N, C-alpha and C. Protein backbone atom coordinates (compact mmCIF):
# COMPACT_ATOMS: atom_id res chain seq x y z
N MET A 1 56.30 -18.96 -17.54
CA MET A 1 54.90 -18.70 -17.63
C MET A 1 54.63 -17.25 -17.30
N GLN A 2 53.99 -16.57 -18.21
CA GLN A 2 53.74 -15.15 -18.04
C GLN A 2 52.39 -14.94 -17.37
N PRO A 3 52.32 -13.93 -16.52
CA PRO A 3 51.03 -13.65 -15.86
C PRO A 3 50.05 -13.06 -16.85
N ARG A 4 48.82 -13.42 -16.68
CA ARG A 4 47.78 -12.86 -17.54
C ARG A 4 47.41 -11.47 -17.05
N ASP A 5 46.80 -10.70 -17.93
CA ASP A 5 46.38 -9.35 -17.56
C ASP A 5 45.39 -9.37 -16.39
N SER A 6 44.54 -10.37 -16.37
CA SER A 6 43.54 -10.42 -15.30
C SER A 6 44.17 -10.72 -13.95
N ASP A 7 45.36 -11.37 -13.96
CA ASP A 7 46.03 -11.66 -12.70
C ASP A 7 46.71 -10.43 -12.12
N THR A 8 47.20 -9.55 -12.97
CA THR A 8 47.92 -8.39 -12.49
C THR A 8 47.04 -7.17 -12.31
N ALA A 9 45.89 -7.19 -12.90
CA ALA A 9 45.01 -6.03 -12.79
C ALA A 9 44.46 -5.92 -11.37
N VAL A 10 44.32 -4.71 -10.94
CA VAL A 10 43.75 -4.45 -9.62
C VAL A 10 42.24 -4.62 -9.73
N ARG A 11 41.72 -5.47 -8.91
CA ARG A 11 40.28 -5.70 -8.94
C ARG A 11 39.60 -4.71 -8.01
N LYS A 12 38.68 -4.00 -8.60
CA LYS A 12 37.95 -3.00 -7.82
C LYS A 12 36.62 -3.60 -7.38
N LYS A 13 36.34 -3.42 -6.13
CA LYS A 13 35.05 -3.87 -5.63
C LYS A 13 34.03 -2.78 -5.91
N PRO A 14 32.84 -3.18 -6.30
CA PRO A 14 31.82 -2.17 -6.52
C PRO A 14 31.48 -1.46 -5.21
N LYS A 15 31.22 -0.19 -5.34
CA LYS A 15 30.89 0.59 -4.15
C LYS A 15 29.49 0.22 -3.69
N ASN A 16 29.41 -0.25 -2.50
CA ASN A 16 28.13 -0.58 -1.88
C ASN A 16 28.13 0.04 -0.50
N PRO A 17 27.48 1.17 -0.37
CA PRO A 17 27.51 1.83 0.93
C PRO A 17 26.77 1.04 2.00
N GLY A 18 26.02 0.02 1.60
CA GLY A 18 25.26 -0.75 2.58
C GLY A 18 23.99 -0.03 2.94
N PRO A 19 23.21 -0.65 3.77
CA PRO A 19 21.94 -0.04 4.15
C PRO A 19 22.16 1.17 5.05
N LYS A 20 21.34 2.15 4.87
CA LYS A 20 21.38 3.31 5.74
C LYS A 20 20.59 2.98 6.99
N ILE A 21 21.30 2.67 8.05
CA ILE A 21 20.62 2.23 9.26
C ILE A 21 19.88 3.39 9.90
N PHE A 22 20.51 4.52 10.01
CA PHE A 22 19.89 5.65 10.68
C PHE A 22 19.44 6.70 9.67
N SER A 23 18.59 6.28 8.76
CA SER A 23 18.06 7.19 7.75
C SER A 23 16.83 7.89 8.32
N SER A 24 16.28 8.80 7.52
CA SER A 24 15.08 9.49 7.96
C SER A 24 13.91 8.52 8.13
N ASN A 25 13.89 7.44 7.34
CA ASN A 25 12.85 6.42 7.50
C ASN A 25 12.95 5.74 8.86
N PHE A 26 14.18 5.52 9.33
CA PHE A 26 14.37 4.92 10.65
C PHE A 26 13.77 5.82 11.73
N PHE A 27 14.11 7.10 11.68
CA PHE A 27 13.63 8.02 12.71
C PHE A 27 12.11 8.21 12.63
N LEU A 28 11.57 8.21 11.42
CA LEU A 28 10.13 8.31 11.26
C LEU A 28 9.43 7.07 11.83
N ALA A 29 9.96 5.89 11.51
CA ALA A 29 9.38 4.66 12.05
C ALA A 29 9.51 4.62 13.56
N PHE A 30 10.68 5.00 14.07
CA PHE A 30 10.88 5.03 15.51
C PHE A 30 9.89 5.98 16.18
N GLY A 31 9.71 7.16 15.61
CA GLY A 31 8.79 8.14 16.19
C GLY A 31 7.35 7.63 16.23
N VAL A 32 6.90 7.06 15.13
CA VAL A 32 5.53 6.54 15.08
C VAL A 32 5.36 5.39 16.07
N LEU A 33 6.32 4.47 16.09
CA LEU A 33 6.23 3.33 17.00
C LEU A 33 6.27 3.78 18.46
N PHE A 34 7.10 4.76 18.77
CA PHE A 34 7.21 5.22 20.16
C PHE A 34 5.94 5.94 20.61
N VAL A 35 5.36 6.74 19.73
CA VAL A 35 4.10 7.40 20.07
C VAL A 35 3.02 6.35 20.33
N LEU A 36 2.95 5.33 19.49
CA LEU A 36 1.98 4.25 19.71
C LEU A 36 2.27 3.51 21.01
N TRP A 37 3.53 3.30 21.31
CA TRP A 37 3.92 2.63 22.55
C TRP A 37 3.41 3.43 23.76
N VAL A 38 3.66 4.72 23.75
CA VAL A 38 3.25 5.56 24.88
C VAL A 38 1.73 5.59 25.00
N VAL A 39 1.04 5.73 23.88
CA VAL A 39 -0.42 5.79 23.91
C VAL A 39 -1.02 4.49 24.42
N PHE A 40 -0.54 3.36 23.91
CA PHE A 40 -1.14 2.08 24.28
C PHE A 40 -0.66 1.54 25.62
N SER A 41 0.55 1.89 26.04
CA SER A 41 1.02 1.36 27.32
C SER A 41 0.39 2.13 28.48
N GLY A 42 0.27 3.42 28.35
CA GLY A 42 -0.32 4.22 29.42
C GLY A 42 0.58 4.35 30.64
N ARG A 43 1.80 3.93 30.54
CA ARG A 43 2.76 4.00 31.65
C ARG A 43 3.80 5.07 31.32
N PHE A 44 4.04 5.94 32.28
CA PHE A 44 4.95 7.05 32.02
C PHE A 44 6.13 7.08 32.98
N ASP A 45 6.38 5.98 33.66
CA ASP A 45 7.55 5.95 34.56
C ASP A 45 8.80 5.64 33.74
N LEU A 46 9.95 5.89 34.35
CA LEU A 46 11.23 5.79 33.65
C LEU A 46 11.45 4.38 33.08
N PHE A 47 11.13 3.34 33.84
CA PHE A 47 11.35 1.98 33.38
C PHE A 47 10.60 1.71 32.07
N HIS A 48 9.33 2.07 32.01
CA HIS A 48 8.53 1.79 30.81
C HIS A 48 8.92 2.68 29.63
N ILE A 49 9.31 3.90 29.89
CA ILE A 49 9.76 4.78 28.81
C ILE A 49 11.05 4.22 28.20
N VAL A 50 12.02 3.81 29.04
CA VAL A 50 13.28 3.25 28.54
C VAL A 50 13.01 1.94 27.79
N LEU A 51 12.15 1.09 28.34
CA LEU A 51 11.79 -0.15 27.68
C LEU A 51 11.14 0.14 26.32
N GLY A 52 10.29 1.16 26.26
CA GLY A 52 9.67 1.55 25.00
C GLY A 52 10.68 2.05 23.99
N ILE A 53 11.64 2.83 24.44
CA ILE A 53 12.68 3.35 23.54
C ILE A 53 13.50 2.20 22.96
N ILE A 54 13.90 1.26 23.82
CA ILE A 54 14.70 0.13 23.35
C ILE A 54 13.89 -0.73 22.37
N SER A 55 12.66 -1.05 22.74
CA SER A 55 11.82 -1.91 21.88
C SER A 55 11.56 -1.25 20.54
N CYS A 56 11.19 0.02 20.56
CA CYS A 56 10.88 0.72 19.31
C CYS A 56 12.13 0.89 18.44
N ALA A 57 13.29 1.09 19.07
CA ALA A 57 14.53 1.20 18.29
C ALA A 57 14.85 -0.12 17.59
N ILE A 58 14.66 -1.24 18.28
CA ILE A 58 14.95 -2.54 17.67
C ILE A 58 13.99 -2.81 16.51
N VAL A 59 12.70 -2.57 16.74
CA VAL A 59 11.72 -2.81 15.67
C VAL A 59 11.97 -1.87 14.50
N ALA A 60 12.25 -0.60 14.78
CA ALA A 60 12.51 0.37 13.71
C ALA A 60 13.78 0.01 12.93
N LEU A 61 14.77 -0.53 13.63
CA LEU A 61 16.02 -0.92 12.98
C LEU A 61 15.78 -2.00 11.92
N PHE A 62 14.94 -2.97 12.25
CA PHE A 62 14.69 -4.06 11.32
C PHE A 62 13.60 -3.76 10.30
N CYS A 63 12.69 -2.87 10.63
CA CYS A 63 11.49 -2.72 9.80
C CYS A 63 11.32 -1.35 9.16
N HIS A 64 12.25 -0.43 9.32
CA HIS A 64 12.01 0.93 8.80
C HIS A 64 11.86 0.97 7.29
N ASP A 65 12.53 0.07 6.58
CA ASP A 65 12.37 0.06 5.12
C ASP A 65 11.03 -0.52 4.69
N PHE A 66 10.44 -1.35 5.52
CA PHE A 66 9.13 -1.92 5.20
C PHE A 66 8.01 -0.96 5.56
N LEU A 67 8.18 -0.24 6.66
CA LEU A 67 7.11 0.64 7.13
C LEU A 67 7.02 1.92 6.31
N PHE A 68 8.15 2.48 5.98
CA PHE A 68 8.17 3.73 5.24
C PHE A 68 9.18 3.62 4.12
N THR A 69 8.70 3.79 2.91
CA THR A 69 9.59 3.73 1.77
C THR A 69 9.14 4.76 0.76
N THR A 70 10.08 5.32 0.05
CA THR A 70 9.69 6.23 -1.01
C THR A 70 9.30 5.40 -2.21
N VAL A 71 8.17 5.72 -2.79
CA VAL A 71 7.64 4.93 -3.89
C VAL A 71 8.24 5.38 -5.21
N SER A 72 8.43 6.65 -5.39
CA SER A 72 9.03 7.16 -6.62
C SER A 72 10.42 7.70 -6.29
N PRO A 73 11.33 7.68 -7.26
CA PRO A 73 12.71 8.06 -6.99
C PRO A 73 12.85 9.44 -6.35
N GLY A 74 12.12 10.42 -6.81
CA GLY A 74 12.24 11.75 -6.25
C GLY A 74 11.16 12.07 -5.24
N GLY A 75 10.38 11.07 -4.88
CA GLY A 75 9.22 11.30 -4.04
C GLY A 75 9.56 11.48 -2.58
N SER A 76 8.70 12.18 -1.91
CA SER A 76 8.83 12.39 -0.49
C SER A 76 7.79 11.54 0.22
N ILE A 77 8.21 10.88 1.28
CA ILE A 77 7.29 10.04 2.03
C ILE A 77 6.18 10.89 2.65
N PHE A 78 6.52 12.11 3.05
CA PHE A 78 5.51 12.99 3.64
C PHE A 78 4.43 13.34 2.62
N LEU A 79 4.84 13.67 1.39
CA LEU A 79 3.86 13.98 0.34
C LEU A 79 3.01 12.77 -0.01
N LEU A 80 3.62 11.58 -0.01
CA LEU A 80 2.87 10.36 -0.28
C LEU A 80 1.77 10.17 0.76
N TRP A 81 2.12 10.31 2.03
CA TRP A 81 1.12 10.14 3.09
C TRP A 81 0.07 11.24 3.03
N LEU A 82 0.47 12.43 2.64
CA LEU A 82 -0.50 13.53 2.51
C LEU A 82 -1.49 13.25 1.38
N ARG A 83 -0.99 12.77 0.24
CA ARG A 83 -1.88 12.43 -0.87
C ARG A 83 -2.78 11.24 -0.50
N LEU A 84 -2.23 10.28 0.24
CA LEU A 84 -3.03 9.14 0.68
C LEU A 84 -4.13 9.59 1.63
N ALA A 85 -3.83 10.54 2.49
CA ALA A 85 -4.85 11.08 3.40
C ALA A 85 -5.94 11.81 2.62
N GLY A 86 -5.62 12.37 1.47
CA GLY A 86 -6.63 13.00 0.63
C GLY A 86 -7.46 11.98 -0.13
N TYR A 87 -6.92 10.80 -0.36
CA TYR A 87 -7.63 9.74 -1.08
C TYR A 87 -8.65 9.04 -0.19
N ILE A 88 -8.35 8.91 1.07
CA ILE A 88 -9.19 8.13 1.99
C ILE A 88 -10.62 8.67 2.09
N PRO A 89 -10.86 9.99 2.23
CA PRO A 89 -12.26 10.45 2.27
C PRO A 89 -13.04 10.11 1.00
N TRP A 90 -12.40 10.21 -0.16
CA TRP A 90 -13.07 9.84 -1.41
C TRP A 90 -13.41 8.35 -1.40
N LEU A 91 -12.48 7.51 -0.93
CA LEU A 91 -12.73 6.07 -0.85
C LEU A 91 -13.89 5.78 0.10
N LEU A 92 -13.93 6.45 1.24
CA LEU A 92 -15.03 6.25 2.19
C LEU A 92 -16.37 6.62 1.56
N TYR A 93 -16.40 7.67 0.77
CA TYR A 93 -17.62 8.06 0.07
C TYR A 93 -18.04 6.97 -0.93
N GLN A 94 -17.07 6.42 -1.66
CA GLN A 94 -17.38 5.34 -2.61
C GLN A 94 -17.89 4.09 -1.89
N ILE A 95 -17.32 3.80 -0.74
CA ILE A 95 -17.79 2.67 0.06
C ILE A 95 -19.22 2.90 0.51
N PHE A 96 -19.52 4.13 0.94
CA PHE A 96 -20.89 4.46 1.36
C PHE A 96 -21.87 4.29 0.20
N LYS A 97 -21.51 4.81 -0.98
CA LYS A 97 -22.39 4.67 -2.15
C LYS A 97 -22.59 3.19 -2.52
N ALA A 98 -21.53 2.42 -2.48
CA ALA A 98 -21.64 1.01 -2.82
C ALA A 98 -22.48 0.26 -1.78
N ASN A 99 -22.38 0.67 -0.52
CA ASN A 99 -23.24 0.07 0.51
C ASN A 99 -24.71 0.30 0.21
N LEU A 100 -25.04 1.52 -0.22
CA LEU A 100 -26.43 1.81 -0.57
C LEU A 100 -26.89 0.96 -1.76
N HIS A 101 -26.02 0.78 -2.73
CA HIS A 101 -26.36 -0.04 -3.90
C HIS A 101 -26.62 -1.49 -3.50
N VAL A 102 -25.73 -2.06 -2.67
CA VAL A 102 -25.91 -3.45 -2.22
C VAL A 102 -27.15 -3.56 -1.34
N LEU A 103 -27.41 -2.56 -0.52
CA LEU A 103 -28.63 -2.54 0.31
C LEU A 103 -29.87 -2.57 -0.58
N PHE A 104 -29.85 -1.79 -1.65
CA PHE A 104 -30.97 -1.77 -2.60
C PHE A 104 -31.19 -3.16 -3.20
N ILE A 105 -30.09 -3.81 -3.58
CA ILE A 105 -30.20 -5.15 -4.18
C ILE A 105 -30.78 -6.14 -3.16
N VAL A 106 -30.26 -6.09 -1.96
CA VAL A 106 -30.66 -7.06 -0.94
C VAL A 106 -32.13 -6.87 -0.52
N LEU A 107 -32.60 -5.64 -0.44
CA LEU A 107 -33.96 -5.38 0.01
C LEU A 107 -34.98 -5.36 -1.13
N HIS A 108 -34.52 -5.45 -2.34
CA HIS A 108 -35.44 -5.41 -3.48
C HIS A 108 -36.25 -6.71 -3.54
N PRO A 109 -37.55 -6.62 -3.86
CA PRO A 109 -38.37 -7.84 -3.94
C PRO A 109 -37.87 -8.84 -4.99
N ARG A 110 -37.25 -8.34 -6.05
CA ARG A 110 -36.72 -9.24 -7.10
C ARG A 110 -35.20 -9.37 -6.97
N MET A 111 -34.75 -9.59 -5.75
CA MET A 111 -33.32 -9.65 -5.48
C MET A 111 -32.60 -10.67 -6.37
N MET A 112 -33.18 -11.82 -6.53
CA MET A 112 -32.52 -12.87 -7.31
C MET A 112 -32.38 -12.50 -8.79
N ASP A 113 -33.27 -11.65 -9.27
CA ASP A 113 -33.15 -11.19 -10.66
C ASP A 113 -32.07 -10.13 -10.82
N LEU A 114 -31.83 -9.36 -9.74
CA LEU A 114 -30.84 -8.27 -9.81
C LEU A 114 -29.41 -8.77 -9.64
N ILE A 115 -29.25 -9.84 -8.88
CA ILE A 115 -27.90 -10.36 -8.66
C ILE A 115 -27.45 -11.10 -9.91
N ASP A 116 -26.35 -10.62 -10.46
CA ASP A 116 -25.77 -11.22 -11.68
C ASP A 116 -24.26 -11.32 -11.48
N PRO A 117 -23.80 -12.29 -10.68
CA PRO A 117 -22.36 -12.36 -10.39
C PRO A 117 -21.54 -12.70 -11.63
N HIS A 118 -20.45 -11.99 -11.76
CA HIS A 118 -19.53 -12.26 -12.86
C HIS A 118 -18.14 -11.74 -12.50
N ILE A 119 -17.15 -12.17 -13.25
CA ILE A 119 -15.78 -11.73 -13.03
C ILE A 119 -15.36 -10.90 -14.23
N ILE A 120 -14.86 -9.70 -13.93
CA ILE A 120 -14.34 -8.84 -15.00
C ILE A 120 -12.81 -8.83 -14.91
N GLU A 121 -12.17 -8.64 -16.03
CA GLU A 121 -10.72 -8.51 -16.09
C GLU A 121 -10.37 -7.23 -16.82
N PHE A 122 -9.35 -6.56 -16.32
CA PHE A 122 -8.89 -5.33 -16.98
C PHE A 122 -7.41 -5.13 -16.67
N ASP A 123 -6.75 -4.41 -17.58
CA ASP A 123 -5.35 -4.04 -17.39
C ASP A 123 -5.29 -2.74 -16.60
N SER A 124 -4.35 -2.69 -15.68
CA SER A 124 -4.15 -1.47 -14.91
C SER A 124 -2.89 -0.78 -15.39
N ARG A 125 -2.89 0.51 -15.36
CA ARG A 125 -1.70 1.27 -15.74
C ARG A 125 -0.75 1.47 -14.56
N LEU A 126 -1.17 1.05 -13.36
CA LEU A 126 -0.34 1.20 -12.17
C LEU A 126 0.86 0.25 -12.26
N LYS A 127 2.03 0.73 -11.86
CA LYS A 127 3.26 -0.05 -12.02
C LYS A 127 3.82 -0.59 -10.71
N SER A 128 3.75 0.16 -9.65
CA SER A 128 4.39 -0.27 -8.40
C SER A 128 3.50 -1.25 -7.64
N ASP A 129 4.14 -2.08 -6.85
CA ASP A 129 3.41 -3.04 -6.04
C ASP A 129 2.52 -2.34 -5.02
N TYR A 130 3.01 -1.23 -4.46
CA TYR A 130 2.23 -0.48 -3.48
C TYR A 130 0.94 0.06 -4.11
N ALA A 131 1.05 0.62 -5.29
CA ALA A 131 -0.13 1.17 -5.95
C ALA A 131 -1.12 0.07 -6.31
N ARG A 132 -0.62 -1.04 -6.84
CA ARG A 132 -1.51 -2.15 -7.20
C ARG A 132 -2.19 -2.75 -5.97
N THR A 133 -1.44 -2.86 -4.88
CA THR A 133 -2.01 -3.39 -3.65
C THR A 133 -3.07 -2.46 -3.09
N THR A 134 -2.80 -1.17 -3.12
CA THR A 134 -3.79 -0.20 -2.66
C THR A 134 -5.04 -0.25 -3.53
N PHE A 135 -4.86 -0.38 -4.83
CA PHE A 135 -5.99 -0.48 -5.75
C PHE A 135 -6.80 -1.75 -5.47
N ALA A 136 -6.12 -2.88 -5.32
CA ALA A 136 -6.82 -4.14 -5.05
C ALA A 136 -7.57 -4.08 -3.72
N ASN A 137 -6.95 -3.51 -2.71
CA ASN A 137 -7.62 -3.39 -1.41
C ASN A 137 -8.80 -2.43 -1.47
N SER A 138 -8.67 -1.36 -2.23
CA SER A 138 -9.77 -0.40 -2.37
C SER A 138 -10.96 -1.04 -3.07
N ILE A 139 -10.69 -1.86 -4.08
CA ILE A 139 -11.77 -2.56 -4.77
C ILE A 139 -12.46 -3.52 -3.81
N THR A 140 -11.68 -4.26 -3.03
CA THR A 140 -12.26 -5.23 -2.11
C THR A 140 -13.02 -4.56 -0.98
N LEU A 141 -12.57 -3.40 -0.54
CA LEU A 141 -13.28 -2.68 0.52
C LEU A 141 -14.62 -2.14 0.05
N THR A 142 -14.76 -1.94 -1.24
CA THR A 142 -16.01 -1.42 -1.78
C THR A 142 -17.01 -2.56 -1.90
N PRO A 143 -18.15 -2.49 -1.20
CA PRO A 143 -19.13 -3.58 -1.24
C PRO A 143 -19.61 -3.88 -2.67
N GLY A 144 -19.76 -5.16 -2.94
CA GLY A 144 -20.22 -5.60 -4.26
C GLY A 144 -19.09 -6.01 -5.17
N THR A 145 -17.85 -5.77 -4.76
CA THR A 145 -16.69 -6.15 -5.58
C THR A 145 -15.62 -6.78 -4.69
N ILE A 146 -14.94 -7.77 -5.25
CA ILE A 146 -13.82 -8.43 -4.55
C ILE A 146 -12.71 -8.67 -5.56
N THR A 147 -11.51 -8.24 -5.24
CA THR A 147 -10.37 -8.53 -6.10
C THR A 147 -9.99 -9.99 -5.93
N VAL A 148 -10.07 -10.73 -7.02
CA VAL A 148 -9.77 -12.16 -6.99
C VAL A 148 -8.29 -12.40 -7.23
N ALA A 149 -7.71 -11.69 -8.19
CA ALA A 149 -6.30 -11.90 -8.53
C ALA A 149 -5.73 -10.66 -9.19
N VAL A 150 -4.42 -10.50 -9.01
CA VAL A 150 -3.66 -9.45 -9.69
C VAL A 150 -2.39 -10.10 -10.20
N THR A 151 -2.13 -9.99 -11.49
CA THR A 151 -0.91 -10.58 -12.04
C THR A 151 0.24 -9.60 -11.94
N VAL A 152 1.43 -10.10 -12.19
CA VAL A 152 2.63 -9.27 -12.18
C VAL A 152 2.55 -8.20 -13.27
N LEU A 153 1.83 -8.50 -14.33
CA LEU A 153 1.68 -7.55 -15.44
C LEU A 153 0.60 -6.50 -15.17
N GLY A 154 -0.09 -6.59 -14.04
CA GLY A 154 -1.11 -5.60 -13.70
C GLY A 154 -2.49 -5.92 -14.23
N ILE A 155 -2.76 -7.19 -14.49
CA ILE A 155 -4.09 -7.59 -14.93
C ILE A 155 -4.90 -7.97 -13.70
N PHE A 156 -6.01 -7.27 -13.50
CA PHE A 156 -6.87 -7.48 -12.34
C PHE A 156 -8.06 -8.36 -12.72
N SER A 157 -8.40 -9.29 -11.84
CA SER A 157 -9.63 -10.07 -11.95
C SER A 157 -10.48 -9.70 -10.75
N VAL A 158 -11.69 -9.21 -11.02
CA VAL A 158 -12.55 -8.71 -9.95
C VAL A 158 -13.92 -9.38 -10.06
N HIS A 159 -14.39 -9.92 -8.94
CA HIS A 159 -15.72 -10.50 -8.88
C HIS A 159 -16.70 -9.38 -8.52
N CYS A 160 -17.77 -9.26 -9.30
CA CYS A 160 -18.79 -8.23 -9.08
C CYS A 160 -20.13 -8.89 -8.81
N ILE A 161 -20.91 -8.31 -7.91
CA ILE A 161 -22.22 -8.88 -7.59
C ILE A 161 -23.23 -8.65 -8.71
N ASP A 162 -23.03 -7.57 -9.48
CA ASP A 162 -23.90 -7.29 -10.62
C ASP A 162 -23.13 -6.43 -11.62
N VAL A 163 -23.75 -6.17 -12.75
CA VAL A 163 -23.08 -5.40 -13.82
C VAL A 163 -22.78 -3.98 -13.35
N GLU A 164 -23.70 -3.39 -12.61
CA GLU A 164 -23.56 -2.01 -12.14
C GLU A 164 -22.33 -1.83 -11.24
N SER A 165 -22.03 -2.83 -10.42
CA SER A 165 -20.90 -2.73 -9.51
C SER A 165 -19.55 -2.72 -10.24
N GLY A 166 -19.49 -3.36 -11.39
CA GLY A 166 -18.23 -3.44 -12.13
C GLY A 166 -18.01 -2.35 -13.15
N LYS A 167 -19.05 -1.54 -13.42
CA LYS A 167 -18.93 -0.50 -14.46
C LYS A 167 -17.83 0.52 -14.19
N PRO A 168 -17.68 1.03 -12.97
CA PRO A 168 -16.69 2.09 -12.78
C PRO A 168 -15.24 1.64 -12.79
N LEU A 169 -14.99 0.34 -12.89
CA LEU A 169 -13.61 -0.14 -12.81
C LEU A 169 -12.96 -0.17 -14.19
N PRO A 170 -11.69 0.15 -14.32
CA PRO A 170 -10.79 0.71 -13.33
C PRO A 170 -11.10 2.17 -13.02
N GLY A 171 -11.32 3.00 -14.00
CA GLY A 171 -11.87 4.33 -13.86
C GLY A 171 -11.21 5.27 -12.88
N GLU A 172 -12.05 6.02 -12.18
CA GLU A 172 -11.58 7.10 -11.32
C GLU A 172 -10.75 6.60 -10.15
N MET A 173 -11.08 5.43 -9.63
CA MET A 173 -10.31 4.88 -8.50
C MET A 173 -8.85 4.67 -8.89
N GLU A 174 -8.63 4.10 -10.06
CA GLU A 174 -7.27 3.89 -10.53
C GLU A 174 -6.56 5.22 -10.76
N ASP A 175 -7.27 6.20 -11.32
CA ASP A 175 -6.67 7.52 -11.54
C ASP A 175 -6.24 8.17 -10.24
N ARG A 176 -7.09 8.09 -9.24
CA ARG A 176 -6.77 8.71 -7.94
C ARG A 176 -5.60 8.01 -7.26
N ILE A 177 -5.56 6.69 -7.35
CA ILE A 177 -4.43 5.97 -6.76
C ILE A 177 -3.15 6.26 -7.54
N GLY A 178 -3.26 6.42 -8.85
CA GLY A 178 -2.11 6.81 -9.66
C GLY A 178 -1.55 8.16 -9.22
N LYS A 179 -2.44 9.09 -8.86
CA LYS A 179 -1.98 10.41 -8.38
C LYS A 179 -1.34 10.29 -7.01
N VAL A 180 -1.87 9.42 -6.16
CA VAL A 180 -1.29 9.23 -4.83
C VAL A 180 0.15 8.75 -4.95
N PHE A 181 0.38 7.78 -5.83
CA PHE A 181 1.70 7.18 -5.97
C PHE A 181 2.50 7.78 -7.12
N SER A 182 2.05 8.89 -7.68
CA SER A 182 2.76 9.61 -8.76
C SER A 182 3.03 8.71 -9.95
N GLU A 183 2.02 7.98 -10.39
CA GLU A 183 2.19 7.10 -11.53
C GLU A 183 1.31 7.55 -12.69
């Protein structure tokens, strides 16, 4: 009985370097967690500092990939957070404007005539889960709109209190979130 080629061939295992335990994301997560530990504990003696270091290292070891991740292949986590920090003031302004709109509806004498609840559906061009989640949360944070569902294909279902509340969607909010996540 002759050996088959597959029996004599050297089997190569695919290269899998495994998870990078001490990556820059680990140190970033550890730093943020330790700063929060120090601020919230208010204890600066050696015992509490060492306990904080150990606790933050364990949490960062298990959670650094969840807390900080690069969204795009060539993206920098620092630039992502910087762009997100630029998005937040615009979102707060939109929330303020939507609050005024809902206040107008609620205080209007013909409130029942102005309220026209309906659900709109639209396709989003956002591809990553982070971008879609940020978009859905931004819609829900804006008074007068609630994200009801988001499909895997990026189809959003949004409940609006009236026609005016649903007009800007997806629009500028989606564009700004796309810039934050480089999509």
